[in-house]
Structure formats: structure tokens, C-alpha cells
N, C-alpha and C. Protein backbone atom coordinates (compact mmCIF):
# COMPACT_ATOMS: atom_id res chain seq x y z
N MET A 1 0.98 -1.13 0.40
CA MET A 1 0.06 -0.14 0.02
C MET A 1 1.47 1.15 -0.19
N LYS A 2 1.02 2.37 -0.79
CA LYS A 2 1.42 3.61 -0.90
C LYS A 2 0.92 4.70 0.70
N LYS A 3 1.45 5.24 0.88
CA LYS A 3 1.49 6.57 1.95
C LYS A 3 2.44 7.89 1.05
N LYS A 4 1.86 8.74 0.54
CA LYS A 4 2.34 9.74 0.24
C LYS A 4 2.52 10.67 1.34
N THR A 5 3.90 11.00 1.48
CA THR A 5 4.05 11.84 2.75
C THR A 5 5.32 13.32 2.48
N MET A 6 5.78 14.11 3.52
CA MET A 6 6.99 14.61 3.04
C MET A 6 7.88 14.64 3.87
N VAL A 7 9.50 14.81 3.33
CA VAL A 7 10.37 14.87 4.44
C VAL A 7 10.62 16.58 4.05
N ILE A 8 10.93 17.34 5.52
CA ILE A 8 11.27 18.54 5.18
C ILE A 8 12.84 18.46 5.75
N ASP A 9 13.96 19.01 5.16
CA ASP A 9 15.04 19.33 5.80
C ASP A 9 15.09 20.48 6.19
N LEU A 10 15.55 20.84 7.75
CA LEU A 10 15.52 21.88 8.40
C LEU A 10 16.85 22.27 8.25
N ASP A 11 17.91 21.58 8.00
CA ASP A 11 19.60 22.69 7.68
C ASP A 11 19.20 23.11 6.51
N ARG A 12 18.49 22.47 5.82
CA ARG A 12 18.20 23.47 5.01
C ARG A 12 17.96 24.87 4.16
N CYS A 13 16.45 24.65 5.10
CA CYS A 13 15.13 25.75 4.87
C CYS A 13 16.08 26.75 5.15
N ILE A 14 15.88 27.84 4.29
CA ILE A 14 16.53 29.43 5.08
C ILE A 14 15.04 30.65 5.60
N GLY A 15 14.16 29.65 5.40
CA GLY A 15 12.62 30.40 5.88
C GLY A 15 12.20 31.98 4.72
N CYS A 16 12.25 31.19 3.81
CA CYS A 16 12.37 32.38 2.40
C CYS A 16 10.67 32.93 2.00
N TYR A 17 9.45 31.66 2.35
CA TYR A 17 8.34 31.30 2.60
C TYR A 17 7.67 31.01 0.89
N SER A 18 8.70 30.73 -0.02
CA SER A 18 8.57 30.24 -0.86
C SER A 18 7.24 29.20 -1.18
N CYS A 19 7.24 28.51 -0.07
CA CYS A 19 6.34 27.48 -0.15
C CYS A 19 5.39 27.59 0.40
N GLU A 20 5.01 28.24 0.81
CA GLU A 20 4.07 29.17 1.28
C GLU A 20 3.30 29.96 0.53
N VAL A 21 4.03 30.46 -0.20
CA VAL A 21 3.21 31.70 -1.45
C VAL A 21 2.81 30.63 -2.61
N SER A 22 4.07 29.82 -2.96
CA SER A 22 3.30 28.60 -4.54
C SER A 22 2.34 27.78 -3.73
N CYS A 23 2.16 27.61 -2.43
CA CYS A 23 1.00 27.12 -2.28
C CYS A 23 -0.49 27.81 -2.77
N LYS A 24 -0.18 28.75 -1.76
CA LYS A 24 -1.58 29.46 -2.08
C LYS A 24 -2.02 29.77 -3.47
N MET A 25 -1.00 30.01 -4.09
CA MET A 25 -1.01 29.89 -5.53
C MET A 25 -1.89 29.04 -6.52
N GLU A 26 -0.91 27.84 -6.06
CA GLU A 26 -1.30 26.64 -6.83
C GLU A 26 -2.75 26.32 -6.74
N ASN A 27 -3.33 26.78 -4.91
CA ASN A 27 -4.59 25.90 -5.10
C ASN A 27 -5.02 27.08 -4.48
N SER A 28 -5.14 28.08 -4.95
CA SER A 28 -6.31 29.72 -5.38
C SER A 28 -6.54 29.47 -3.38
N VAL A 29 -5.61 29.58 -2.34
CA VAL A 29 -5.74 29.49 -1.24
C VAL A 29 -6.32 31.38 -0.74
N ALA A 30 -7.39 31.17 -0.15
CA ALA A 30 -8.18 32.39 0.22
C ALA A 30 -7.02 33.25 1.33
N LEU A 31 -6.70 34.37 1.42
CA LEU A 31 -6.06 35.38 2.20
C LEU A 31 -6.63 34.78 3.77
N GLY A 32 -5.49 34.61 4.66
CA GLY A 32 -6.02 34.31 6.19
C GLY A 32 -5.91 32.91 5.93
N VAL A 33 -5.75 32.09 5.34
CA VAL A 33 -5.89 30.65 5.58
C VAL A 33 -4.23 30.32 4.93
N ASN A 34 -4.00 29.37 5.15
CA ASN A 34 -2.74 28.43 4.84
C ASN A 34 -2.90 27.23 5.18
N TYR A 35 -2.50 26.46 3.55
CA TYR A 35 -2.14 25.16 3.96
C TYR A 35 -0.99 24.49 4.47
N ASN A 36 0.41 25.30 3.98
CA ASN A 36 1.49 25.54 4.36
C ASN A 36 2.47 26.31 5.09
N LYS A 37 2.65 26.77 6.25
CA LYS A 37 2.83 27.92 6.63
C LYS A 37 4.45 27.37 7.49
N VAL A 38 5.39 28.33 7.52
CA VAL A 38 6.55 28.30 7.72
C VAL A 38 6.69 29.48 9.07
N LEU A 39 7.03 28.28 10.22
CA LEU A 39 7.04 29.14 11.49
C LEU A 39 8.50 29.12 11.97
N THR A 40 8.93 30.44 12.42
CA THR A 40 9.94 30.79 13.10
C THR A 40 10.65 29.94 14.62
N LEU A 41 11.48 29.60 14.70
CA LEU A 41 11.62 28.70 16.09
C LEU A 41 13.05 29.08 16.89
N GLY A 42 12.40 30.22 17.55
CA GLY A 42 14.09 30.61 18.20
C GLY A 42 13.95 32.24 17.52
N PRO A 43 15.14 33.23 18.06
CA PRO A 43 16.30 32.73 18.78
C PRO A 43 15.63 31.57 19.86
N THR A 44 16.87 31.16 20.40
CA THR A 44 16.72 30.78 21.89
C THR A 44 18.25 30.27 22.39
N GLY A 45 18.75 30.30 23.62
CA GLY A 45 20.18 29.89 23.89
C GLY A 45 20.06 31.35 24.56
N THR A 46 21.78 31.84 24.73
CA THR A 46 22.04 33.15 25.27
C THR A 46 23.24 33.49 24.75
N PHE A 47 23.48 34.51 24.06
CA PHE A 47 23.91 35.38 23.27
C PHE A 47 25.34 35.00 23.39
N PRO A 48 26.55 34.62 22.72
CA PRO A 48 26.68 34.41 21.31
C PRO A 48 25.56 33.30 20.90
N LYS A 49 25.64 32.35 22.18
CA LYS A 49 25.07 30.73 21.21
C LYS A 49 24.21 31.41 21.23
N LEU A 50 23.42 30.92 19.85
CA LEU A 50 21.87 31.51 19.81
C LEU A 50 21.38 30.18 18.78
N GLU A 51 20.18 29.26 18.86
CA GLU A 51 19.81 28.90 17.79
C GLU A 51 18.46 28.95 17.26
N MET A 52 18.25 28.89 15.99
CA MET A 52 16.99 29.26 15.53
C MET A 52 16.66 28.28 13.97
N TYR A 53 15.66 28.34 13.89
CA TYR A 53 15.34 27.50 12.06
C TYR A 53 13.84 27.96 11.89
N TYR A 54 13.68 27.21 11.06
CA TYR A 54 12.28 27.44 10.39
C TYR A 54 11.83 26.09 10.64
N LEU A 55 10.43 26.07 10.71
CA LEU A 55 9.88 24.35 10.85
C LEU A 55 8.58 25.01 9.88
N SER A 56 8.61 24.48 8.72
CA SER A 56 7.23 24.49 7.84
C SER A 56 6.46 23.21 8.26
N VAL A 57 5.24 23.64 8.68
CA VAL A 57 4.35 23.02 8.84
C VAL A 57 2.98 22.32 8.03
N LEU A 58 2.31 21.28 7.70
CA LEU A 58 0.97 21.27 7.03
C LEU A 58 0.72 20.16 7.70
N CYS A 59 -0.43 19.69 6.73
CA CYS A 59 -1.03 17.90 7.16
C CYS A 59 0.08 17.15 7.38
N GLN A 60 -0.29 16.80 8.47
CA GLN A 60 0.87 15.53 8.61
C GLN A 60 0.91 14.19 7.75
N SER A 61 -0.24 14.22 7.11
CA SER A 61 -0.36 12.63 6.57
C SER A 61 -0.51 11.71 7.42
N CYS A 62 -1.09 11.74 8.17
CA CYS A 62 -1.33 10.53 9.37
C CYS A 62 -1.49 9.34 8.59
N LYS A 63 -1.26 8.45 9.40
CA LYS A 63 -1.44 6.69 8.47
C LYS A 63 -3.04 6.19 9.47
N ASP A 64 -3.27 6.68 10.34
CA ASP A 64 -4.52 6.60 11.58
C ASP A 64 -5.42 7.93 11.78
N ALA A 65 -5.84 8.32 10.14
CA ALA A 65 -5.89 9.98 10.32
C ALA A 65 -7.42 9.83 11.09
N PRO A 66 -7.53 10.83 12.46
CA PRO A 66 -8.85 10.43 12.83
C PRO A 66 -9.45 11.44 12.04
N CYS A 67 -9.52 12.82 11.20
CA CYS A 67 -10.35 13.17 10.30
C CYS A 67 -10.75 12.30 9.29
N VAL A 68 -10.13 10.99 9.01
CA VAL A 68 -10.95 10.26 8.23
C VAL A 68 -12.13 9.59 8.63
N GLU A 69 -11.32 9.27 9.81
CA GLU A 69 -12.35 8.06 10.65
C GLU A 69 -13.68 8.85 11.47
N VAL A 70 -13.89 10.32 11.21
CA VAL A 70 -14.68 10.97 12.33
C VAL A 70 -15.78 11.30 11.12
N CYS A 71 -15.55 11.52 9.76
CA CYS A 71 -16.07 12.53 8.56
C CYS A 71 -17.02 11.83 8.63
N PRO A 72 -18.43 11.94 8.58
CA PRO A 72 -19.86 11.29 8.56
C PRO A 72 -20.41 10.74 7.23
N THR A 73 -19.48 11.82 6.34
CA THR A 73 -19.80 11.52 4.78
C THR A 73 -18.63 11.01 3.75
N LYS A 74 -17.98 10.77 4.83
CA LYS A 74 -16.43 10.00 3.88
C LYS A 74 -15.66 10.99 2.72
N ALA A 75 -15.68 12.11 3.11
CA ALA A 75 -15.90 13.67 2.19
C ALA A 75 -14.38 12.94 2.83
N SER A 76 -13.97 13.37 4.06
CA SER A 76 -11.89 13.32 4.24
C SER A 76 -12.12 11.70 3.81
N HIS A 77 -10.65 11.51 3.08
CA HIS A 77 -10.75 10.26 2.66
C HIS A 77 -9.10 9.73 2.09
N PHE A 78 -8.66 8.92 2.02
CA PHE A 78 -7.32 8.81 1.18
C PHE A 78 -7.44 7.64 0.11
N ASN A 79 -7.03 8.40 -0.89
CA ASN A 79 -6.96 8.31 -2.23
C ASN A 79 -6.14 7.20 -2.47
N GLU A 80 -5.46 6.83 -3.98
CA GLU A 80 -5.20 5.15 -3.94
C GLU A 80 -3.64 5.82 -3.64
N ASN A 81 -2.60 6.70 -3.59
CA ASN A 81 -1.45 7.17 -2.96
C ASN A 81 -1.36 7.70 -1.84
N GLY A 82 -2.45 7.02 -1.11
CA GLY A 82 -2.60 6.87 0.99
C GLY A 82 -2.76 8.39 0.66
N ALA A 83 -2.79 9.43 -0.17
CA ALA A 83 -2.77 11.26 0.34
C ALA A 83 -4.49 11.19 1.44
N VAL A 84 -4.63 11.88 2.21
CA VAL A 84 -5.74 12.45 3.23
C VAL A 84 -6.16 13.70 2.63
N LEU A 85 -7.78 13.07 1.48
CA LEU A 85 -8.04 14.03 0.62
C LEU A 85 -9.45 14.72 1.20
N ILE A 86 -10.08 15.69 1.03
CA ILE A 86 -11.48 16.45 0.84
C ILE A 86 -12.30 16.30 -0.29
N ASP A 87 -13.03 15.74 -0.19
CA ASP A 87 -14.26 15.53 -1.53
C ASP A 87 -14.99 16.50 -1.28
N LYS A 88 -14.86 17.89 -1.80
CA LYS A 88 -15.60 19.42 -1.46
C LYS A 88 -16.80 18.55 -1.89
N GLU A 89 -17.35 17.68 -2.64
CA GLU A 89 -19.00 17.95 -2.87
C GLU A 89 -19.65 17.26 -1.87
N LYS A 90 -18.92 16.17 -1.02
CA LYS A 90 -19.66 15.59 0.00
C LYS A 90 -19.19 16.17 1.62
N CYS A 91 -18.57 17.60 1.62
CA CYS A 91 -18.27 17.85 2.82
C CYS A 91 -19.62 18.79 2.81
N ILE A 92 -19.96 18.32 4.49
CA ILE A 92 -20.99 19.40 5.02
C ILE A 92 -21.13 19.79 5.88
N ALA A 93 -19.36 20.39 6.27
CA ALA A 93 -19.05 21.61 7.14
C ALA A 93 -19.73 21.52 8.37
N CYS A 94 -19.58 19.89 8.92
CA CYS A 94 -19.97 19.77 10.36
C CYS A 94 -18.62 20.00 11.20
N LEU A 95 -17.19 20.23 10.53
CA LEU A 95 -15.98 20.65 11.44
C LEU A 95 -15.66 19.81 12.11
N SER A 96 -16.06 18.29 12.10
CA SER A 96 -15.84 17.44 13.28
C SER A 96 -14.13 16.90 12.68
N CYS A 97 -13.97 17.28 11.30
CA CYS A 97 -13.00 16.94 11.01
C CYS A 97 -11.67 17.38 11.44
N MET A 98 -12.22 18.95 11.87
CA MET A 98 -11.16 19.90 12.64
C MET A 98 -11.25 19.78 13.76
N GLU A 99 -12.11 19.34 14.47
CA GLU A 99 -11.76 19.37 15.88
C GLU A 99 -10.72 17.84 16.28
N VAL A 100 -10.90 17.59 15.88
CA VAL A 100 -10.12 15.80 16.07
C VAL A 100 -8.44 16.08 15.50
N CYS A 101 -8.16 16.64 14.56
CA CYS A 101 -6.74 17.31 14.20
C CYS A 101 -6.04 17.60 15.42
N PRO A 102 -4.51 16.64 15.59
CA PRO A 102 -4.23 17.37 16.91
C PRO A 102 -3.32 18.66 16.11
N TYR A 103 -3.56 18.85 15.19
CA TYR A 103 -2.44 20.02 14.69
C TYR A 103 -3.10 21.11 13.99
N GLY A 104 -4.50 21.23 14.27
CA GLY A 104 -4.89 22.17 13.28
C GLY A 104 -4.86 22.48 12.31
N ALA A 105 -4.55 21.19 11.20
CA ALA A 105 -3.96 21.73 9.74
C ALA A 105 -5.12 21.54 8.95
N ARG A 106 -6.19 22.01 9.58
CA ARG A 106 -7.57 22.08 8.60
C ARG A 106 -8.08 23.35 8.58
N SER A 107 -8.41 24.42 7.71
CA SER A 107 -9.08 25.21 7.56
C SER A 107 -10.78 25.44 7.16
N PHE A 108 -11.40 26.10 7.73
CA PHE A 108 -13.00 26.19 6.82
C PHE A 108 -12.89 27.86 5.87
N ASN A 109 -13.31 27.53 4.98
CA ASN A 109 -13.65 28.05 3.89
C ASN A 109 -14.68 28.84 3.94
N ALA A 110 -14.96 29.93 4.61
CA ALA A 110 -16.50 30.65 4.72
C ALA A 110 -17.22 30.65 3.58
N GLU A 111 -16.78 31.06 2.75
CA GLU A 111 -17.13 31.30 1.46
C GLU A 111 -17.88 30.47 0.48
N ALA A 112 -17.24 28.95 0.31
CA ALA A 112 -17.10 27.70 0.04
C ALA A 112 -18.17 26.87 0.84
N LYS A 113 -17.98 27.65 2.41
CA LYS A 113 -18.43 26.60 2.99
C LYS A 113 -17.81 24.96 3.21
N VAL A 114 -16.60 25.13 3.43
CA VAL A 114 -15.71 23.47 2.94
C VAL A 114 -14.53 23.85 3.96
N VAL A 115 -14.20 22.38 4.42
CA VAL A 115 -13.35 22.41 5.15
C VAL A 115 -12.22 22.36 3.75
N GLU A 116 -11.03 22.91 4.05
CA GLU A 116 -9.35 23.06 3.47
C GLU A 116 -8.21 22.18 4.08
N LYS A 117 -7.63 21.63 2.95
CA LYS A 117 -5.86 21.62 3.97
C LYS A 117 -5.19 21.25 2.65
N CYS A 118 -3.94 21.16 3.17
CA CYS A 118 -2.90 20.61 2.09
C CYS A 118 -3.18 19.27 1.62
N THR A 119 -3.26 19.25 0.37
CA THR A 119 -3.28 17.83 -0.49
C THR A 119 -2.23 17.35 -1.40
N LEU A 120 -1.02 17.98 -0.72
CA LEU A 120 -0.10 17.11 -1.85
C LEU A 120 -0.05 17.66 -3.32
N CYS A 121 -0.59 18.29 -3.65
CA CYS A 121 -0.98 18.59 -4.89
C CYS A 121 -1.58 17.49 -5.47
N GLU A 122 -2.03 16.90 -4.83
CA GLU A 122 -2.99 15.31 -6.33
C GLU A 122 -3.37 16.02 -7.05
N HIS A 123 -3.47 17.10 -7.09
CA HIS A 123 -4.44 16.99 -8.60
C HIS A 123 -3.75 17.47 -9.96
N LEU A 124 -1.97 17.46 -9.52
CA LEU A 124 -1.03 17.63 -10.47
C LEU A 124 -1.15 16.17 -11.47
N THR A 125 -0.67 16.22 -12.54
CA THR A 125 -0.60 14.97 -13.18
C THR A 125 0.42 14.79 -13.43
N GLY A 126 1.17 13.47 -14.14
CA GLY A 126 2.84 13.10 -14.83
C GLY A 126 3.46 13.00 -13.68
N GLY A 127 3.33 12.85 -12.95
CA GLY A 127 4.87 12.85 -11.60
C GLY A 127 4.94 14.54 -11.37
N GLU A 128 4.32 15.03 -11.62
CA GLU A 128 4.81 16.27 -11.37
C GLU A 128 4.43 16.54 -10.17
N LEU A 129 5.95 17.41 -9.23
CA LEU A 129 5.97 17.56 -8.05
C LEU A 129 4.87 18.77 -7.16
N PRO A 130 4.55 18.65 -6.27
CA PRO A 130 3.75 19.94 -5.48
C PRO A 130 4.19 20.83 -5.34
N ALA A 131 3.33 22.06 -5.62
CA ALA A 131 4.46 23.29 -6.13
C ALA A 131 5.24 23.58 -5.30
N CYS A 132 5.17 23.23 -3.64
CA CYS A 132 5.80 23.98 -2.54
C CYS A 132 7.40 23.29 -2.40
N VAL A 133 7.15 21.91 -3.20
CA VAL A 133 8.61 21.20 -3.87
C VAL A 133 9.47 21.32 -4.96
N LYS A 134 8.33 22.08 -5.88
CA LYS A 134 8.97 22.42 -7.17
C LYS A 134 9.48 23.73 -6.60
N VAL A 135 9.47 24.99 -5.92
CA VAL A 135 9.99 26.48 -5.93
C VAL A 135 10.78 26.05 -4.60
N CYS A 136 11.30 25.26 -3.87
CA CYS A 136 12.35 25.22 -2.90
C CYS A 136 13.30 25.24 -2.91
N CYS A 137 14.02 26.87 -3.21
CA CYS A 137 15.20 26.97 -3.84
C CYS A 137 16.47 26.18 -2.88
N ALA A 138 16.12 26.16 -1.58
CA ALA A 138 17.45 25.13 -0.91
C ALA A 138 17.06 23.99 -0.92
N LYS A 139 16.21 23.22 -1.36
CA LYS A 139 16.11 21.72 -2.03
C LYS A 139 15.62 21.14 -0.87
N ALA A 140 15.03 21.56 -0.07
CA ALA A 140 14.89 21.44 1.73
C ALA A 140 13.58 19.88 1.48
N ARG A 141 12.64 19.97 0.59
CA ARG A 141 11.45 19.64 0.38
C ARG A 141 11.24 18.14 -0.34
N TYR A 142 11.20 17.09 0.14
CA TYR A 142 11.06 15.74 -0.90
C TYR A 142 9.60 15.25 -0.53
N VAL A 143 9.29 14.60 -1.27
CA VAL A 143 8.07 13.96 -1.50
C VAL A 143 7.76 12.70 -1.98
N GLY A 144 7.45 11.55 -1.66
CA GLY A 144 7.54 10.61 -1.36
C GLY A 144 6.41 9.28 -1.20
N ASP A 145 6.83 7.95 -1.21
CA ASP A 145 6.05 6.81 -0.42
C ASP A 145 6.81 6.71 0.69
N ALA A 146 6.01 6.89 1.88
CA ALA A 146 6.17 6.22 3.16
C ALA A 146 6.81 4.87 3.29
N ASP A 147 5.55 4.15 2.35
CA ASP A 147 6.06 2.49 2.90
C ASP A 147 6.91 1.77 1.77
N ASP A 148 8.13 2.70 1.05
CA ASP A 148 8.49 2.35 -0.22
C ASP A 148 9.90 2.14 0.50
N PRO A 149 10.81 1.57 0.90
CA PRO A 149 12.00 1.73 1.71
C PRO A 149 13.02 2.19 0.68
N ASN A 150 12.64 1.95 -0.79
CA ASN A 150 13.38 2.74 -1.78
C ASN A 150 13.39 4.46 -2.07
N SER A 151 12.15 4.79 -1.72
CA SER A 151 11.92 6.09 -2.42
C SER A 151 12.96 7.16 -1.54
N ILE A 152 12.44 8.43 -2.16
CA ILE A 152 13.20 9.37 -2.07
C ILE A 152 13.35 9.80 -0.21
N VAL A 153 12.58 9.86 0.12
CA VAL A 153 12.06 10.32 1.77
C VAL A 153 12.41 9.14 2.57
N ASN A 154 12.17 8.27 2.08
CA ASN A 154 13.65 6.98 2.97
C ASN A 154 14.60 7.30 2.69
N GLN A 155 15.30 7.72 1.69
CA GLN A 155 16.98 7.41 1.45
C GLN A 155 16.90 8.66 2.28
N LYS A 156 16.02 10.03 2.06
CA LYS A 156 16.71 11.11 3.35
C LYS A 156 16.60 10.36 4.86
N ILE A 157 15.95 10.10 4.96
CA ILE A 157 15.84 9.73 6.31
C ILE A 157 17.10 8.82 7.02
N LYS A 158 17.06 7.93 5.80
CA LYS A 158 18.20 7.06 6.55
C LYS A 158 19.54 7.93 5.95
N ASP A 159 20.08 8.32 5.06
CA ASP A 159 21.08 9.51 5.13
C ASP A 159 21.38 10.36 6.25
N ALA A 160 20.47 10.74 7.08
CA ALA A 160 19.96 11.92 8.41
C ALA A 160 20.81 10.96 9.36
N GLY A 161 20.10 9.72 9.14
CA GLY A 161 20.29 9.10 10.70
C GLY A 161 19.32 9.58 11.62
N LYS A 162 18.98 8.04 12.53
CA LYS A 162 17.39 8.11 13.20
C LYS A 162 17.83 9.36 14.40
N ASP A 163 18.63 10.05 14.84
CA ASP A 163 19.28 10.92 16.10
C ASP A 163 19.03 12.05 15.12
N ASN A 164 18.41 12.30 13.92
CA ASN A 164 18.12 13.85 13.25
C ASN A 164 17.29 13.92 12.25
N VAL A 165 16.11 12.83 12.92
CA VAL A 165 14.94 12.54 12.18
C VAL A 165 13.51 12.70 13.04
N PHE A 166 13.03 13.72 13.30
CA PHE A 166 11.78 14.02 14.36
C PHE A 166 10.80 14.34 13.44
N SER A 167 9.56 13.77 14.26
CA SER A 167 7.75 14.39 13.62
C SER A 167 7.26 15.26 15.09
N MET A 168 6.07 15.57 14.51
CA MET A 168 4.75 16.21 15.43
C MET A 168 4.69 14.69 16.36
N PRO A 169 4.21 15.00 17.84
CA PRO A 169 3.96 13.87 18.49
C PRO A 169 2.56 13.29 17.84
N ASP A 170 2.70 11.88 18.34
CA ASP A 170 1.83 10.85 17.64
C ASP A 170 0.83 10.70 18.94
N GLU A 171 -0.36 11.37 18.62
CA GLU A 171 -1.39 11.15 19.49
C GLU A 171 -2.50 9.92 18.98
N GLY A 172 -1.62 8.56 18.63
CA GLY A 172 -2.65 8.11 18.16
C GLY A 172 -2.79 7.50 16.65
N ASN A 173 -2.55 9.02 15.91
CA ASN A 173 -2.80 9.16 14.82
C ASN A 173 -1.77 8.27 13.28
N THR A 174 -0.26 8.41 14.23
CA THR A 174 0.56 8.14 13.23
C THR A 174 0.94 8.93 12.29
N PRO A 175 1.51 10.30 12.55
CA PRO A 175 1.85 11.13 11.38
C PRO A 175 3.37 10.81 10.63
N THR A 176 3.09 10.70 9.59
CA THR A 176 4.03 10.70 8.64
C THR A 176 5.14 11.35 8.09
N VAL A 177 4.99 12.53 7.96
CA VAL A 177 5.35 13.91 7.91
C VAL A 177 6.92 13.84 8.95
N ARG A 178 8.27 13.71 8.53
CA ARG A 178 9.27 13.87 8.89
C ARG A 178 10.07 15.14 8.94
N TYR A 179 10.98 15.32 9.68
CA TYR A 179 12.18 16.84 9.84
C TYR A 179 13.10 16.22 10.05
N ILE A 180 14.27 16.85 9.11
CA ILE A 180 15.88 16.52 9.13
C ILE A 180 15.81 17.77 9.94
N LEU A 181 17.01 17.66 10.95
CA LEU A 181 17.34 19.03 12.34
C LEU A 181 18.58 18.28 13.03
N HIS A 182 19.94 18.24 12.46
CA HIS A 182 20.83 18.16 12.92
C HIS A 182 21.60 19.39 14.33
N GLY A 183 21.96 18.83 14.95
CA GLY A 183 22.41 19.43 16.01
C GLY A 183 23.21 20.70 15.85
N LYS A 184 23.95 20.58 14.91
CA LYS A 184 24.69 21.74 14.08
C LYS A 184 24.09 22.88 14.12
N THR A 185 23.35 22.62 13.73
CA THR A 185 21.72 23.74 13.29
C THR A 185 21.29 24.50 14.36
N ALA A 186 20.30 23.38 15.23
CA ALA A 186 19.59 23.82 16.14
C ALA A 186 19.14 22.56 17.00
N LYS A 187 18.29 22.63 18.55
CA LYS A 187 17.91 21.31 19.06
C LYS A 187 16.58 21.08 18.14
N TRP A 188 16.04 20.48 18.51
CA TRP A 188 14.61 19.78 18.32
C TRP A 188 13.50 20.58 19.18
N GLN A 189 12.93 21.78 19.08
CA GLN A 189 11.94 22.00 19.91
C GLN A 189 10.98 20.91 20.20
N LYS A 190 10.88 20.68 21.47
CA LYS A 190 9.77 19.38 21.80
C LYS A 190 8.77 20.56 22.72
N ARG A 191 7.29 20.21 21.78
CA ARG A 191 6.00 20.56 22.48
C ARG A 191 4.78 19.48 22.65
N GLU A 192 4.30 19.51 23.64
CA GLU A 192 3.25 18.41 23.72
C GLU A 192 2.23 18.77 22.67
N LYS A 193 1.89 20.47 22.09
CA LYS A 193 0.73 20.21 21.26
C LYS A 193 1.27 21.26 20.53
N TRP A 194 1.43 20.75 18.95
CA TRP A 194 0.99 22.29 17.70
C TRP A 194 -0.05 22.36 17.48
N GLN A 195 -0.25 23.55 17.43
CA GLN A 195 -1.60 24.41 16.49
C GLN A 195 -0.84 25.07 15.24
N PHE A 196 -1.34 24.48 14.32
CA PHE A 196 0.01 24.87 13.55
C PHE A 196 -0.65 26.78 12.62
N PHE A 197 -1.98 26.49 12.72
CA PHE A 197 -2.58 28.01 12.51
C PHE A 197 -3.62 27.89 13.17
N PRO A 198 -4.35 29.58 13.30
CA PRO A 198 -5.01 29.82 14.55
C PRO A 198 -6.01 29.03 13.68
N GLU A 199 -7.31 29.31 15.08
CA GLU A 199 -8.51 28.07 14.93
C GLU A 199 -9.58 29.22 13.90
N SER A 200 -10.17 29.08 13.18
CA SER A 200 -11.27 29.22 12.58
C SER A 200 -12.75 29.60 13.27
């Protein structure tokens, strides 16, 4: 079974926000809404020993996605690539999926009256990469199959070493997005809760 996901190399990310902008342009995302958001973590430490890094956050492509489980109309679903998507024709805007997402990675489009989120640009065809991956000038973003040991995402994880690979807290949802961060760049900031985006 396929499980499309992303690996983001925080050692390489320069915080240019190209991924945010390209995502909004590709998906016609409304003002005030983000499918993909870059957070600045830091600076931390004591001068002159300071650390800071940019954390690009998005839907965590959970294997046991609670949003899919609670959706009464099956609007939230897995497609054949294992991507978590929303069928806007079926969405009744009950907001149940937003309530159960541990990361607040879904947004309500008040005009269209549907819930929206990152789709890993599954609408693009012919093997075209997601917009955020294509425009990343630092080459910090990779997309591939988490269940394929030979995929680019698993190669990057292996090359980085398990001590330098992180993920968002797992609350039984099994997030698959991984972040590479070596100690030479900064220390991974642990948090009990990650609410990426403001609640709608």
C-alpha cells in the first residue's frame, strides 16, 4: 500500500516562504488561510550561542488519520496514493475533522462552506511535484512513498540518521511527515501540542 508523505530538511530551509506563497497560488488559497505555514522557532539560547530554525508545517499525512475516521460523509478520505484528501462535494461543513486534528492543520473556507487542507498537490498529473517542492530554492523538501524503503523520503531519512529525524507528537494518529534537523543547526524544540494555524 502506498503512503504519500513529505520529508523536510530543516538544515537546508532558509525561511524564504516560497513554499507558503506557491501553495497559495497553486491552490487558490484564500487570504488569511494557509495549507502550508513556515514558523520561526527561536532564537533560543544565550548570546552569542543562539539557535534558530524555520519549521514548515502542513497536514501530517497520518496513517491513522482521525479526520478520516470521524467524517460522517466520507468526504475526508485516503486516495490510491495514501494521501489524505477532502471531497468538497461531500463536505457538509460539520467541522468534526477540524476538531480531531491534533495539529490544527485544517481550515474552514467560509465562502465555499467547506473544510480545506494541504493535498500534497494530488491534482497535478504526470508525476509533477507539489508546488512547494518545485519552488524550494534550498532543495529542502521531498515527497514520496513512506511505505517504499527505496523512495526518496526514506533515503533522506536513512542518510540523516535516526537521531536527526523528528516528527510531530503522535496521539495515536501515526503522523508520517518527517523533519531532518542536526544538532549543528539547532536543537529540536519539543512541545506537547502543535497548533499550526489559528482556529477558525
